[in-house]
């Protein structure tokens, strides 16, 4: 069994002072949402063993803030910046996942960007949480987390439509759940 967690970066400023998209930073809401999703992950094990993070500032900030809220509750994962995550399409993301066979974590997290992360989540979902699949159909919002389980022994065996969607959660969905 392998667990894959896809975390989209949090909300960002519209333009970086440098003008480079990769340099965009989290805005106030983004910092708040990254902390909220990190706290949620910290209260809902199991935790990732390996975290692959896009080198874009917003993705790295999302992980660092989320980790700050998790670190007292979770063992420290191995974290790697992976340049190929920036702007990756679903097929490229799938290849990155398959290459995790080398360190062979039981639980893998990617911190990246739309549209690739959203398209990947839709392509992986073969079964599981029907309400989560319906909610995910429209968008993987900023700070959105999608968790899949795969009945495989090696990451190289991950394929589209073979994931069981365990859950889809975002700060907005958490707020709605707490309001009910």
Foldseek 3Di string as FASTA:
>chain_A
DAKEKEWEFFAWDPAAPVRDPLATARDPRRLVFLLVLLLVDLVDDDDWQEEEFESRRRLVSSVVSSCVNNVVRYPDHHYYYDNCQEPHALVSVLVVQQVCQVVQIRYYYYYHHPPRSLVNLLFAAQAADPVQNVVSVVHQHHRKMWMWDAPDRHSNPRDTNRTHTHHIDGPVNVVVVVVD
